[in-house]
Amino acid sequence: MTQQAIVVDDSSFQRNIVSNTIGNWFDVVGTAENGREAIKVFEAKRPDVITMDIMMPELNGIESLRRIKDRSPETTVVMVTSVSQNEKMREAARAGADGYVTKPVDTEALREEFDDVLDFPVTR
């Protein structure tokens, strides 16, 4: 059975890129454009995997990550962030992020990150 994923980013362009990329490995069942919406989509869909931007309006990715991991520690969350956000990445790791990739998103780097954080390779 294919794992389900949601993609969270305030940029529709980035949501499309990440959705199209991970759509080769997961069933993308939803997207969200801010942290508050991410929690709602998470509650409705209960995905196995989430990609999450850090800097978003309404509720940032780190706080969203904390709330999602409190409800579902087994959900795999990979942060997608700008290179200049090293301190934010450390904060995300402390909040429970399973991994991260930097923008602009590179397909191979994203695949390798998922291979590292999941118990199986995303491409077979």
PDB file of N, CA and C in Angstrom:
ATOM      1  N   MET A   1       0.830  -1.178   0.000  1.00  0.00           N
ATOM      2  CA  MET A   1       0.000   0.000   0.000  1.00  0.00           C
ATOM      3  C   MET A   1       0.882   1.251   0.000  1.00  0.00           C
ATOM      4  N   THR A   2       0.559   2.195  -0.832  1.00  0.00           N
ATOM      5  CA  THR A   2       1.320   3.427  -0.945  1.00  0.00           C
ATOM      6  C   THR A   2       1.062   4.320   0.258  1.00  0.00           C
ATOM      7  N   GLN A   3       2.130   4.881   0.786  1.00  0.00           N
ATOM      8  CA  GLN A   3       1.969   5.805   1.906  1.00  0.00           C
ATOM      9  C   GLN A   3       1.364   7.111   1.412  1.00  0.00           C
ATOM     10  N   GLN A   4       0.629   7.769   2.308  1.00  0.00           N
ATOM     11  CA  GLN A   4      -0.009   9.033   1.977  1.00  0.00           C
ATOM     12  C   GLN A   4       0.811  10.201   2.514  1.00  0.00           C
ATOM     13  N   ALA A   5       0.754  11.333   1.789  1.00  0.00           N
ATOM     14  CA  ALA A   5       1.542  12.502   2.160  1.00  0.00           C
ATOM     15  C   ALA A   5       0.733  13.772   2.008  1.00  0.00           C
ATOM     16  N   ILE A   6       1.126  14.791   2.783  1.00  0.00           N
ATOM     17  CA  ILE A   6       0.640  16.149   2.545  1.00  0.00           C
ATOM     18  C   ILE A   6       1.857  17.060   2.405  1.00  0.00           C
ATOM     19  N   VAL A   7       1.662  18.136   1.646  1.00  0.00           N
ATOM     20  CA  VAL A   7       2.725  19.100   1.369  1.00  0.00           C
ATOM     21  C   VAL A   7       2.286  20.449   1.916  1.00  0.00           C
ATOM     22  N   VAL A   8       3.149  21.051   2.748  1.00  0.00           N
ATOM     23  CA  VAL A   8       2.810  22.312   3.397  1.00  0.00           C
ATOM     24  C   VAL A   8       3.862  23.364   3.039  1.00  0.00           C
ATOM     25  N   ASP A   9       3.410  24.424   2.383  1.00  0.00           N
ATOM     26  CA  ASP A   9       4.289  25.543   2.025  1.00  0.00           C
ATOM     27  C   ASP A   9       3.408  26.723   1.680  1.00  0.00           C
ATOM     28  N   ASP A  10       3.811  27.931   2.078  1.00  0.00           N
ATOM     29  CA  ASP A  10       3.000  29.104   1.766  1.00  0.00           C
ATOM     30  C   ASP A  10       3.119  29.518   0.302  1.00  0.00           C
ATOM     31  N   SER A  11       4.069  28.989  -0.418  1.00  0.00           N
ATOM     32  CA  SER A  11       4.234  29.282  -1.839  1.00  0.00           C
ATOM     33  C   SER A  11       3.551  28.197  -2.676  1.00  0.00           C
ATOM     34  N   SER A  12       2.576  28.596  -3.490  1.00  0.00           N
ATOM     35  CA  SER A  12       1.904  27.608  -4.346  1.00  0.00           C
ATOM     36  C   SER A  12       2.893  26.992  -5.323  1.00  0.00           C
ATOM     37  N   PHE A  13       3.872  27.764  -5.765  1.00  0.00           N
ATOM     38  CA  PHE A  13       4.902  27.256  -6.662  1.00  0.00           C
ATOM     39  C   PHE A  13       5.668  26.116  -5.987  1.00  0.00           C
ATOM     40  N   GLN A  14       6.110  26.334  -4.739  1.00  0.00           N
ATOM     41  CA  GLN A  14       6.838  25.291  -4.011  1.00  0.00           C
ATOM     42  C   GLN A  14       5.944  24.081  -3.712  1.00  0.00           C
ATOM     43  N   ARG A  15       4.677  24.327  -3.358  1.00  0.00           N
ATOM     44  CA  ARG A  15       3.759  23.204  -3.117  1.00  0.00           C
ATOM     45  C   ARG A  15       3.656  22.334  -4.358  1.00  0.00           C
ATOM     46  N   ASN A  16       3.553  22.965  -5.522  1.00  0.00           N
ATOM     47  CA  ASN A  16       3.450  22.204  -6.772  1.00  0.00           C
ATOM     48  C   ASN A  16       4.716  21.417  -7.062  1.00  0.00           C
ATOM     49  N   ILE A  17       5.864  22.049  -6.882  1.00  0.00           N
ATOM     50  CA  ILE A  17       7.128  21.350  -7.142  1.00  0.00           C
ATOM     51  C   ILE A  17       7.267  20.136  -6.229  1.00  0.00           C
ATOM     52  N   VAL A  18       7.068  20.339  -4.931  1.00  0.00           N
ATOM     53  CA  VAL A  18       7.233  19.242  -3.977  1.00  0.00           C
ATOM     54  C   VAL A  18       6.159  18.179  -4.207  1.00  0.00           C
ATOM     55  N   SER A  19       4.921  18.585  -4.440  1.00  0.00           N
ATOM     56  CA  SER A  19       3.843  17.617  -4.689  1.00  0.00           C
ATOM     57  C   SER A  19       4.148  16.761  -5.915  1.00  0.00           C
ATOM     58  N   ASN A  20       4.594  17.394  -6.982  1.00  0.00           N
ATOM     59  CA  ASN A  20       4.919  16.648  -8.200  1.00  0.00           C
ATOM     60  C   ASN A  20       6.094  15.704  -7.979  1.00  0.00           C
ATOM     61  N   THR A  21       7.062  16.144  -7.194  1.00  0.00           N
ATOM     62  CA  THR A  21       8.232  15.305  -6.922  1.00  0.00           C
ATOM     63  C   THR A  21       7.866  14.106  -6.066  1.00  0.00           C
ATOM     64  N   ILE A  22       7.245  14.348  -4.925  1.00  0.00           N
ATOM     65  CA  ILE A  22       6.958  13.213  -4.035  1.00  0.00           C
ATOM     66  C   ILE A  22       5.770  12.392  -4.512  1.00  0.00           C
ATOM     67  N   GLY A  23       4.996  12.935  -5.452  1.00  0.00           N
ATOM     68  CA  GLY A  23       3.892  12.172  -6.032  1.00  0.00           C
ATOM     69  C   GLY A  23       4.364  10.922  -6.756  1.00  0.00           C
ATOM     70  N   ASN A  24       5.650  10.858  -7.063  1.00  0.00           N
ATOM     71  CA  ASN A  24       6.230   9.652  -7.658  1.00  0.00           C
ATOM     72  C   ASN A  24       6.451   8.562  -6.616  1.00  0.00           C
ATOM     73  N   TRP A  25       6.455   8.942  -5.338  1.00  0.00           N
ATOM     74  CA  TRP A  25       6.769   7.990  -4.268  1.00  0.00           C
ATOM     75  C   TRP A  25       5.626   7.780  -3.292  1.00  0.00           C
ATOM     76  N   PHE A  26       4.760   8.786  -3.149  1.00  0.00           N
ATOM     77  CA  PHE A  26       3.665   8.740  -2.189  1.00  0.00           C
ATOM     78  C   PHE A  26       2.377   9.168  -2.875  1.00  0.00           C
ATOM     79  N   ASP A  27       1.257   8.875  -2.235  1.00  0.00           N
ATOM     80  CA  ASP A  27      -0.041   9.372  -2.677  1.00  0.00           C
ATOM     81  C   ASP A  27      -0.268  10.713  -1.963  1.00  0.00           C
ATOM     82  N   VAL A  28      -0.118  11.823  -2.690  1.00  0.00           N
ATOM     83  CA  VAL A  28      -0.299  13.147  -2.092  1.00  0.00           C
ATOM     84  C   VAL A  28      -1.797  13.392  -1.927  1.00  0.00           C
ATOM     85  N   VAL A  29      -2.250  13.385  -0.677  1.00  0.00           N
ATOM     86  CA  VAL A  29      -3.679  13.470  -0.384  1.00  0.00           C
ATOM     87  C   VAL A  29      -4.132  14.860   0.035  1.00  0.00           C
ATOM     88  N   GLY A  30      -3.189  15.805   0.141  1.00  0.00           N
ATOM     89  CA  GLY A  30      -3.579  17.156   0.508  1.00  0.00           C
ATOM     90  C   GLY A  30      -2.396  18.099   0.548  1.00  0.00           C
ATOM     91  N   THR A  31      -2.725  19.383   0.537  1.00  0.00           N
ATOM     92  CA  THR A  31      -1.718  20.429   0.673  1.00  0.00           C
ATOM     93  C   THR A  31      -2.262  21.480   1.629  1.00  0.00           C
ATOM     94  N   ALA A  32      -1.351  22.310   2.130  1.00  0.00           N
ATOM     95  CA  ALA A  32      -1.746  23.414   3.005  1.00  0.00           C
ATOM     96  C   ALA A  32      -0.797  24.574   2.768  1.00  0.00           C
ATOM     97  N   GLU A  33      -1.314  25.800   2.958  1.00  0.00           N
ATOM     98  CA  GLU A  33      -0.491  26.974   2.700  1.00  0.00           C
ATOM     99  C   GLU A  33      -0.026  27.694   3.956  1.00  0.00           C
ATOM    100  N   ASN A  34      -0.406  27.178   5.122  1.00  0.00           N
ATOM    101  CA  ASN A  34       0.095  27.739   6.376  1.00  0.00           C
ATOM    102  C   ASN A  34      -0.017  26.670   7.462  1.00  0.00           C
ATOM    103  N   GLY A  35       0.568  26.953   8.605  1.00  0.00           N
ATOM    104  CA  GLY A  35       0.611  25.965   9.669  1.00  0.00           C
ATOM    105  C   GLY A  35      -0.741  25.597  10.244  1.00  0.00           C
ATOM    106  N   ARG A  36      -1.620  26.573  10.353  1.00  0.00           N
ATOM    107  CA  ARG A  36      -2.962  26.298  10.883  1.00  0.00           C
ATOM    108  C   ARG A  36      -3.723  25.341   9.955  1.00  0.00           C
ATOM    109  N   GLU A  37      -3.625  25.634   8.669  1.00  0.00           N
ATOM    110  CA  GLU A  37      -4.275  24.774   7.679  1.00  0.00           C
ATOM    111  C   GLU A  37      -3.620  23.385   7.661  1.00  0.00           C
ATOM    112  N   ALA A  38      -2.312  23.335   7.877  1.00  0.00           N
ATOM    113  CA  ALA A  38      -1.599  22.050   7.899  1.00  0.00           C
ATOM    114  C   ALA A  38      -2.165  21.121   8.962  1.00  0.00           C
ATOM    115  N   ILE A  39      -2.445  21.675  10.134  1.00  0.00           N
ATOM    116  CA  ILE A  39      -2.990  20.859  11.219  1.00  0.00           C
ATOM    117  C   ILE A  39      -4.380  20.348  10.855  1.00  0.00           C
ATOM    118  N   LYS A  40      -5.207  21.193  10.238  1.00  0.00           N
ATOM    119  CA  LYS A  40      -6.542  20.766   9.808  1.00  0.00           C
ATOM    120  C   LYS A  40      -6.464  19.659   8.769  1.00  0.00           C
ATOM    121  N   VAL A  41      -5.586  19.827   7.787  1.00  0.00           N
ATOM    122  CA  VAL A  41      -5.436  18.804   6.742  1.00  0.00           C
ATOM    123  C   VAL A  41      -4.881  17.519   7.352  1.00  0.00           C
ATOM    124  N   PHE A  42      -3.918  17.660   8.265  1.00  0.00           N
ATOM    125  CA  PHE A  42      -3.378  16.496   8.954  1.00  0.00           C
ATOM    126  C   PHE A  42      -4.476  15.734   9.682  1.00  0.00           C
ATOM    127  N   GLU A  43      -5.302  16.449  10.448  1.00  0.00           N
ATOM    128  CA  GLU A  43      -6.382  15.796  11.203  1.00  0.00           C
ATOM    129  C   GLU A  43      -7.374  15.088  10.274  1.00  0.00           C
ATOM    130  N   ALA A  44      -7.660  15.688   9.136  1.00  0.00           N
ATOM    131  CA  ALA A  44      -8.627  15.104   8.204  1.00  0.00           C
ATOM    132  C   ALA A  44      -8.058  13.905   7.453  1.00  0.00           C
ATOM    133  N   LYS A  45      -6.788  13.960   7.097  1.00  0.00           N
ATOM    134  CA  LYS A  45      -6.196  12.944   6.215  1.00  0.00           C
ATOM    135  C   LYS A  45      -5.320  11.928   6.925  1.00  0.00           C
ATOM    136  N   ARG A  46      -4.731  12.304   8.050  1.00  0.00           N
ATOM    137  CA  ARG A  46      -3.822  11.434   8.803  1.00  0.00           C
ATOM    138  C   ARG A  46      -2.762  10.781   7.901  1.00  0.00           C
ATOM    139  N   PRO A  47      -1.962  11.613   7.231  1.00  0.00           N
ATOM    140  CA  PRO A  47      -0.952  11.071   6.316  1.00  0.00           C
ATOM    141  C   PRO A  47       0.201  10.403   7.063  1.00  0.00           C
ATOM    142  N   ASP A  48       0.935   9.594   6.334  1.00  0.00           N
ATOM    143  CA  ASP A  48       2.130   8.946   6.878  1.00  0.00           C
ATOM    144  C   ASP A  48       3.326   9.893   6.853  1.00  0.00           C
ATOM    145  N   VAL A  49       3.319  10.810   5.860  1.00  0.00           N
ATOM    146  CA  VAL A  49       4.464  11.662   5.570  1.00  0.00           C
ATOM    147  C   VAL A  49       3.994  13.098   5.351  1.00  0.00           C
ATOM    148  N   ILE A  50       4.801  14.053   5.835  1.00  0.00           N
ATOM    149  CA  ILE A  50       4.515  15.474   5.614  1.00  0.00           C
ATOM    150  C   ILE A  50       5.809  16.165   5.215  1.00  0.00           C
ATOM    151  N   THR A  51       5.727  17.035   4.200  1.00  0.00           N
ATOM    152  CA  THR A  51       6.816  17.987   3.973  1.00  0.00           C
ATOM    153  C   THR A  51       6.304  19.321   4.480  1.00  0.00           C
ATOM    154  N   MET A  52       7.169  20.050   5.199  1.00  0.00           N
ATOM    155  CA  MET A  52       6.712  21.254   5.889  1.00  0.00           C
ATOM    156  C   MET A  52       7.723  22.381   5.746  1.00  0.00           C
ATOM    157  N   ASP A  53       7.256  23.507   5.218  1.00  0.00           N
ATOM    158  CA  ASP A  53       8.061  24.735   5.200  1.00  0.00           C
ATOM    159  C   ASP A  53       8.151  25.253   6.628  1.00  0.00           C
ATOM    160  N   ILE A  54       9.173  26.035   6.926  1.00  0.00           N
ATOM    161  CA  ILE A  54       9.305  26.595   8.273  1.00  0.00           C
ATOM    162  C   ILE A  54       8.638  27.955   8.380  1.00  0.00           C
ATOM    163  N   MET A  55       8.988  28.864   7.498  1.00  0.00           N
ATOM    164  CA  MET A  55       8.494  30.235   7.578  1.00  0.00           C
ATOM    165  C   MET A  55       7.177  30.357   6.809  1.00  0.00           C
ATOM    166  N   MET A  56       6.074  30.431   7.575  1.00  0.00           N
ATOM    167  CA  MET A  56       4.739  30.540   6.991  1.00  0.00           C
ATOM    168  C   MET A  56       3.890  31.486   7.828  1.00  0.00           C
ATOM    169  N   PRO A  57       2.869  32.080   7.217  1.00  0.00           N
ATOM    170  CA  PRO A  57       1.972  32.955   7.979  1.00  0.00           C
ATOM    171  C   PRO A  57       1.036  32.150   8.879  1.00  0.00           C
ATOM    172  N   GLU A  58       0.424  32.826   9.801  1.00  0.00           N
ATOM    173  CA  GLU A  58      -0.585  32.301  10.736  1.00  0.00           C
ATOM    174  C   GLU A  58      -0.010  31.383  11.792  1.00  0.00           C
ATOM    175  N   LEU A  59       0.731  30.368  11.389  1.00  0.00           N
ATOM    176  CA  LEU A  59       1.373  29.453  12.329  1.00  0.00           C
ATOM    177  C   LEU A  59       2.583  28.884  11.608  1.00  0.00           C
ATOM    178  N   ASN A  60       3.768  29.078  12.175  1.00  0.00           N
ATOM    179  CA  ASN A  60       4.962  28.635  11.456  1.00  0.00           C
ATOM    180  C   ASN A  60       5.099  27.113  11.459  1.00  0.00           C
ATOM    181  N   GLY A  61       6.016  26.620  10.648  1.00  0.00           N
ATOM    182  CA  GLY A  61       6.198  25.184  10.487  1.00  0.00           C
ATOM    183  C   GLY A  61       6.686  24.485  11.734  1.00  0.00           C
ATOM    184  N   ILE A  62       7.467  25.159  12.552  1.00  0.00           N
ATOM    185  CA  ILE A  62       7.979  24.524  13.770  1.00  0.00           C
ATOM    186  C   ILE A  62       6.853  24.293  14.775  1.00  0.00           C
ATOM    187  N   GLU A  63       6.004  25.284  14.970  1.00  0.00           N
ATOM    188  CA  GLU A  63       4.879  25.094  15.888  1.00  0.00           C
ATOM    189  C   GLU A  63       3.897  24.052  15.343  1.00  0.00           C
ATOM    190  N   SER A  64       3.664  24.068  14.048  1.00  0.00           N
ATOM    191  CA  SER A  64       2.796  23.051  13.421  1.00  0.00           C
ATOM    192  C   SER A  64       3.384  21.661  13.617  1.00  0.00           C
ATOM    193  N   LEU A  65       4.695  21.558  13.409  1.00  0.00           N
ATOM    194  CA  LEU A  65       5.401  20.296  13.615  1.00  0.00           C
ATOM    195  C   LEU A  65       5.193  19.789  15.038  1.00  0.00           C
ATOM    196  N   ARG A  66       5.386  20.674  16.025  1.00  0.00           N
ATOM    197  CA  ARG A  66       5.198  20.270  17.431  1.00  0.00           C
ATOM    198  C   ARG A  66       3.792  19.712  17.670  1.00  0.00           C
ATOM    199  N   ARG A  67       2.804  20.428  17.178  1.00  0.00           N
ATOM    200  CA  ARG A  67       1.414  20.008  17.404  1.00  0.00           C
ATOM    201  C   ARG A  67       1.104  18.691  16.705  1.00  0.00           C
ATOM    202  N   ILE A  68       1.626  18.512  15.508  1.00  0.00           N
ATOM    203  CA  ILE A  68       1.387  17.265  14.781  1.00  0.00           C
ATOM    204  C   ILE A  68       2.115  16.107  15.455  1.00  0.00           C
ATOM    205  N   LYS A  69       3.356  16.315  15.855  1.00  0.00           N
ATOM    206  CA  LYS A  69       4.124  15.241  16.508  1.00  0.00           C
ATOM    207  C   LYS A  69       3.532  14.892  17.876  1.00  0.00           C
ATOM    208  N   ASP A  70       2.942  15.863  18.573  1.00  0.00           N
ATOM    209  CA  ASP A  70       2.264  15.566  19.834  1.00  0.00           C
ATOM    210  C   ASP A  70       1.112  14.603  19.605  1.00  0.00           C
ATOM    211  N   ARG A  71       0.392  14.774  18.510  1.00  0.00           N
ATOM    212  CA  ARG A  71      -0.753  13.918  18.188  1.00  0.00           C
ATOM    213  C   ARG A  71      -0.328  12.603  17.551  1.00  0.00           C
ATOM    214  N   SER A  72       0.767  12.641  16.784  1.00  0.00           N
ATOM    215  CA  SER A  72       1.151  11.479  15.993  1.00  0.00           C
ATOM    216  C   SER A  72       2.672  11.409  15.840  1.00  0.00           C
ATOM    217  N   PRO A  73       3.378  10.936  16.856  1.00  0.00           N
ATOM    218  CA  PRO A  73       4.847  10.895  16.796  1.00  0.00           C
ATOM    219  C   PRO A  73       5.380  10.035  15.651  1.00  0.00           C
ATOM    220  N   GLU A  74       4.573   9.096  15.190  1.00  0.00           N
ATOM    221  CA  GLU A  74       5.038   8.196  14.128  1.00  0.00           C
ATOM    222  C   GLU A  74       4.981   8.814  12.731  1.00  0.00           C
ATOM    223  N   THR A  75       4.302   9.950  12.578  1.00  0.00           N
ATOM    224  CA  THR A  75       4.244  10.617  11.287  1.00  0.00           C
ATOM    225  C   THR A  75       5.625  11.164  10.942  1.00  0.00           C
ATOM    226  N   THR A  76       6.092  10.872   9.743  1.00  0.00           N
ATOM    227  CA  THR A  76       7.392  11.342   9.278  1.00  0.00           C
ATOM    228  C   THR A  76       7.250  12.755   8.729  1.00  0.00           C
ATOM    229  N   VAL A  77       8.030  13.684   9.285  1.00  0.00           N
ATOM    230  CA  VAL A  77       7.977  15.076   8.835  1.00  0.00           C
ATOM    231  C   VAL A  77       9.368  15.502   8.367  1.00  0.00           C
ATOM    232  N   VAL A  78       9.428  15.892   7.093  1.00  0.00           N
ATOM    233  CA  VAL A  78      10.666  16.419   6.518  1.00  0.00           C
ATOM    234  C   VAL A  78      10.454  17.901   6.261  1.00  0.00           C
ATOM    235  N   MET A  79      11.308  18.706   6.859  1.00  0.00           N
ATOM    236  CA  MET A  79      11.224  20.149   6.704  1.00  0.00           C
ATOM    237  C   MET A  79      11.878  20.561   5.382  1.00  0.00           C
ATOM    238  N   VAL A  80      11.267  21.538   4.722  1.00  0.00           N
ATOM    239  CA  VAL A  80      11.792  22.083   3.473  1.00  0.00           C
ATOM    240  C   VAL A  80      12.042  23.564   3.747  1.00  0.00           C
ATOM    241  N   THR A  81      13.304  23.974   3.710  1.00  0.00           N
ATOM    242  CA  THR A  81      13.640  25.303   4.201  1.00  0.00           C
ATOM    243  C   THR A  81      14.740  25.975   3.403  1.00  0.00           C
ATOM    244  N   SER A  82      14.871  27.269   3.598  1.00  0.00           N
ATOM    245  CA  SER A  82      15.937  28.036   2.964  1.00  0.00           C
ATOM    246  C   SER A  82      17.269  27.733   3.633  1.00  0.00           C
ATOM    247  N   VAL A  83      18.331  27.814   2.868  1.00  0.00           N
ATOM    248  CA  VAL A  83      19.670  27.541   3.390  1.00  0.00           C
ATOM    249  C   VAL A  83      20.002  28.435   4.574  1.00  0.00           C
ATOM    250  N   SER A  84      19.516  29.667   4.560  1.00  0.00           N
ATOM    251  CA  SER A  84      19.876  30.634   5.590  1.00  0.00           C
ATOM    252  C   SER A  84      19.179  30.409   6.929  1.00  0.00           C
ATOM    253  N   GLN A  85      18.429  29.347   7.074  1.00  0.00           N
ATOM    254  CA  GLN A  85      17.652  29.117   8.291  1.00  0.00           C
ATOM    255  C   GLN A  85      18.252  28.028   9.175  1.00  0.00           C
ATOM    256  N   ASN A  86      19.577  28.036   9.348  1.00  0.00           N
ATOM    257  CA  ASN A  86      20.230  26.981  10.117  1.00  0.00           C
ATOM    258  C   ASN A  86      19.721  26.899  11.559  1.00  0.00           C
ATOM    259  N   GLU A  87      19.547  28.030  12.221  1.00  0.00           N
ATOM    260  CA  GLU A  87      19.051  28.012  13.599  1.00  0.00           C
ATOM    261  C   GLU A  87      17.627  27.473  13.647  1.00  0.00           C
ATOM    262  N   LYS A  88      16.814  27.850  12.678  1.00  0.00           N
ATOM    263  CA  LYS A  88      15.443  27.330  12.615  1.00  0.00           C
ATOM    264  C   LYS A  88      15.453  25.816  12.403  1.00  0.00           C
ATOM    265  N   MET A  89      16.406  25.299  11.633  1.00  0.00           N
ATOM    266  CA  MET A  89      16.482  23.846  11.429  1.00  0.00           C
ATOM    267  C   MET A  89      16.838  23.135  12.728  1.00  0.00           C
ATOM    268  N   ARG A  90      17.735  23.710  13.507  1.00  0.00           N
ATOM    269  CA  ARG A  90      18.061  23.112  14.806  1.00  0.00           C
ATOM    270  C   ARG A  90      16.825  23.105  15.705  1.00  0.00           C
ATOM    271  N   GLU A  91      16.072  24.182  15.680  1.00  0.00           N
ATOM    272  CA  GLU A  91      14.843  24.263  16.463  1.00  0.00           C
ATOM    273  C   GLU A  91      13.832  23.214  15.975  1.00  0.00           C
ATOM    274  N   ALA A  92      13.737  23.035  14.666  1.00  0.00           N
ATOM    275  CA  ALA A  92      12.828  22.027  14.099  1.00  0.00           C
ATOM    276  C   ALA A  92      13.255  20.623  14.517  1.00  0.00           C
ATOM    277  N   ALA A  93      14.553  20.368  14.530  1.00  0.00           N
ATOM    278  CA  ALA A  93      15.041  19.052  14.965  1.00  0.00           C
ATOM    279  C   ALA A  93      14.660  18.805  16.422  1.00  0.00           C
ATOM    280  N   ARG A  94      14.805  19.815  17.256  1.00  0.00           N
ATOM    281  CA  ARG A  94      14.407  19.664  18.670  1.00  0.00           C
ATOM    282  C   ARG A  94      12.906  19.446  18.809  1.00  0.00           C
ATOM    283  N   ALA A  95      12.131  19.975  17.864  1.00  0.00           N
ATOM    284  CA  ALA A  95      10.669  19.835  17.912  1.00  0.00           C
ATOM    285  C   ALA A  95      10.196  18.503  17.332  1.00  0.00           C
ATOM    286  N   GLY A  96      11.110  17.736  16.740  1.00  0.00           N
ATOM    287  CA  GLY A  96      10.730  16.413  16.267  1.00  0.00           C
ATOM    288  C   GLY A  96      10.833  16.173  14.776  1.00  0.00           C
ATOM    289  N   ALA A  97      11.404  17.114  14.021  1.00  0.00           N
ATOM    290  CA  ALA A  97      11.555  16.894  12.582  1.00  0.00           C
ATOM    291  C   ALA A  97      12.400  15.649  12.336  1.00  0.00           C
ATOM    292  N   ASP A  98      11.993  14.863  11.363  1.00  0.00           N
ATOM    293  CA  ASP A  98      12.722  13.645  11.030  1.00  0.00           C
ATOM    294  C   ASP A  98      13.862  13.915  10.059  1.00  0.00           C
ATOM    295  N   GLY A  99      13.764  14.992   9.299  1.00  0.00           N
ATOM    296  CA  GLY A  99      14.807  15.330   8.341  1.00  0.00           C
ATOM    297  C   GLY A  99      14.526  16.686   7.730  1.00  0.00           C
ATOM    298  N   TYR A 100      15.401  17.099   6.818  1.00  0.00           N
ATOM    299  CA  TYR A 100      15.171  18.366   6.135  1.00  0.00           C
ATOM    300  C   TYR A 100      15.913  18.399   4.808  1.00  0.00           C
ATOM    301  N   VAL A 101      15.400  19.211   3.917  1.00  0.00           N
ATOM    302  CA  VAL A 101      16.070  19.538   2.660  1.00  0.00           C
ATOM    303  C   VAL A 101      15.982  21.050   2.493  1.00  0.00           C
ATOM    304  N   THR A 102      16.880  21.586   1.670  1.00  0.00           N
ATOM    305  CA  THR A 102      16.884  23.017   1.452  1.00  0.00           C
ATOM    306  C   THR A 102      16.272  23.373   0.103  1.00  0.00           C
ATOM    307  N   LYS A 103      15.779  24.608   0.034  1.00  0.00           N
ATOM    308  CA  LYS A 103      15.249  25.149  -1.211  1.00  0.00           C
ATOM    309  C   LYS A 103      16.404  25.783  -1.975  1.00  0.00           C
ATOM    310  N   PRO A 104      16.396  25.767  -3.281  1.00  0.00           N
ATOM    311  CA  PRO A 104      15.385  25.134  -4.112  1.00  0.00           C
ATOM    312  C   PRO A 104      15.459  23.613  -3.979  1.00  0.00           C
ATOM    313  N   VAL A 105      14.298  22.977  -3.997  1.00  0.00           N
ATOM    314  CA  VAL A 105      14.204  21.537  -3.774  1.00  0.00           C
ATOM    315  C   VAL A 105      14.837  20.781  -4.941  1.00  0.00           C
ATOM    316  N   ASP A 106      15.760  19.904  -4.591  1.00  0.00           N
ATOM    317  CA  ASP A 106      16.419  19.030  -5.553  1.00  0.00           C
ATOM    318  C   ASP A 106      15.806  17.635  -5.413  1.00  0.00           C
ATOM    319  N   THR A 107      15.324  17.084  -6.500  1.00  0.00           N
ATOM    320  CA  THR A 107      14.642  15.787  -6.465  1.00  0.00           C
ATOM    321  C   THR A 107      15.500  14.707  -5.817  1.00  0.00           C
ATOM    322  N   GLU A 108      16.746  14.629  -6.204  1.00  0.00           N
ATOM    323  CA  GLU A 108      17.625  13.595  -5.668  1.00  0.00           C
ATOM    324  C   GLU A 108      17.872  13.785  -4.171  1.00  0.00           C
ATOM    325  N   ALA A 109      18.070  15.020  -3.741  1.00  0.00           N
ATOM    326  CA  ALA A 109      18.278  15.284  -2.311  1.00  0.00           C
ATOM    327  C   ALA A 109      17.034  14.919  -1.506  1.00  0.00           C
ATOM    328  N   LEU A 110      15.858  15.222  -2.037  1.00  0.00           N
ATOM    329  CA  LEU A 110      14.614  14.893  -1.351  1.00  0.00           C
ATOM    330  C   LEU A 110      14.427  13.380  -1.274  1.00  0.00           C
ATOM    331  N   ARG A 111      14.709  12.677  -2.371  1.00  0.00           N
ATOM    332  CA  ARG A 111      14.607  11.209  -2.374  1.00  0.00           C
ATOM    333  C   ARG A 111      15.571  10.615  -1.351  1.00  0.00           C
ATOM    334  N   GLU A 112      16.816  11.105  -1.333  1.00  0.00           N
ATOM    335  CA  GLU A 112      17.804  10.587  -0.387  1.00  0.00           C
ATOM    336  C   GLU A 112      17.381  10.844   1.059  1.00  0.00           C
ATOM    337  N   GLU A 113      16.791  12.014   1.312  1.00  0.00           N
ATOM    338  CA  GLU A 113      16.343  12.327   2.676  1.00  0.00           C
ATOM    339  C   GLU A 113      15.230  11.370   3.103  1.00  0.00           C
ATOM    340  N   PHE A 114      14.268  11.123   2.225  1.00  0.00           N
ATOM    341  CA  PHE A 114      13.209  10.172   2.562  1.00  0.00           C
ATOM    342  C   PHE A 114      13.765   8.761   2.737  1.00  0.00           C
ATOM    343  N   ASP A 115      14.707   8.361   1.887  1.00  0.00           N
ATOM    344  CA  ASP A 115      15.333   7.044   2.054  1.00  0.00           C
ATOM    345  C   ASP A 115      15.996   6.933   3.420  1.00  0.00           C
ATOM    346  N   ASP A 116      16.609   8.034   3.877  1.00  0.00           N
ATOM    347  CA  ASP A 116      17.294   8.026   5.179  1.00  0.00           C
ATOM    348  C   ASP A 116      16.324   7.969   6.357  1.00  0.00           C
ATOM    349  N   VAL A 117      15.199   8.672   6.270  1.00  0.00           N
ATOM    350  CA  VAL A 117      14.320   8.768   7.437  1.00  0.00           C
ATOM    351  C   VAL A 117      13.240   7.687   7.489  1.00  0.00           C
ATOM    352  N   LEU A 118      12.989   7.028   6.375  1.00  0.00           N
ATOM    353  CA  LEU A 118      12.004   5.952   6.364  1.00  0.00           C
ATOM    354  C   LEU A 118      12.715   4.614   6.492  1.00  0.00           C
ATOM    355  N   ASP A 119      11.980   3.590   6.819  1.00  0.00           N
ATOM    356  CA  ASP A 119      12.566   2.253   6.971  1.00  0.00           C
ATOM    357  C   ASP A 119      12.678   1.517   5.641  1.00  0.00           C
ATOM    358  N   PHE A 120      12.441   2.213   4.551  1.00  0.00           N
ATOM    359  CA  PHE A 120      12.491   1.592   3.225  1.00  0.00           C
ATOM    360  C   PHE A 120      12.821   2.674   2.193  1.00  0.00           C
ATOM    361  N   PRO A 121      13.391   2.260   1.054  1.00  0.00           N
ATOM    362  CA  PRO A 121      13.650   3.262   0.002  1.00  0.00           C
ATOM    363  C   PRO A 121      12.345   3.680  -0.659  1.00  0.00           C
ATOM    364  N   VAL A 122      12.225   4.970  -0.980  1.00  0.00           N
ATOM    365  CA  VAL A 122      10.997   5.445  -1.592  1.00  0.00           C
ATOM    366  C   VAL A 122      10.894   5.020  -3.050  1.00  0.00           C
ATOM    367  N   THR A 123      12.032   4.743  -3.667  1.00  0.00           N
ATOM    368  CA  THR A 123      12.005   4.225  -5.040  1.00  0.00           C
ATOM    369  C   THR A 123      12.463   2.783  -5.005  1.00  0.00           C
ATOM    370  N   ARG A 124      11.745   1.962  -5.688  1.00  0.00           N
ATOM    371  CA  ARG A 124      12.068   0.529  -5.678  1.00  0.00           C
ATOM    372  C   ARG A 124      12.500   0.097  -7.034  1.00  0.00           C
TER     373      ARG A 124
END
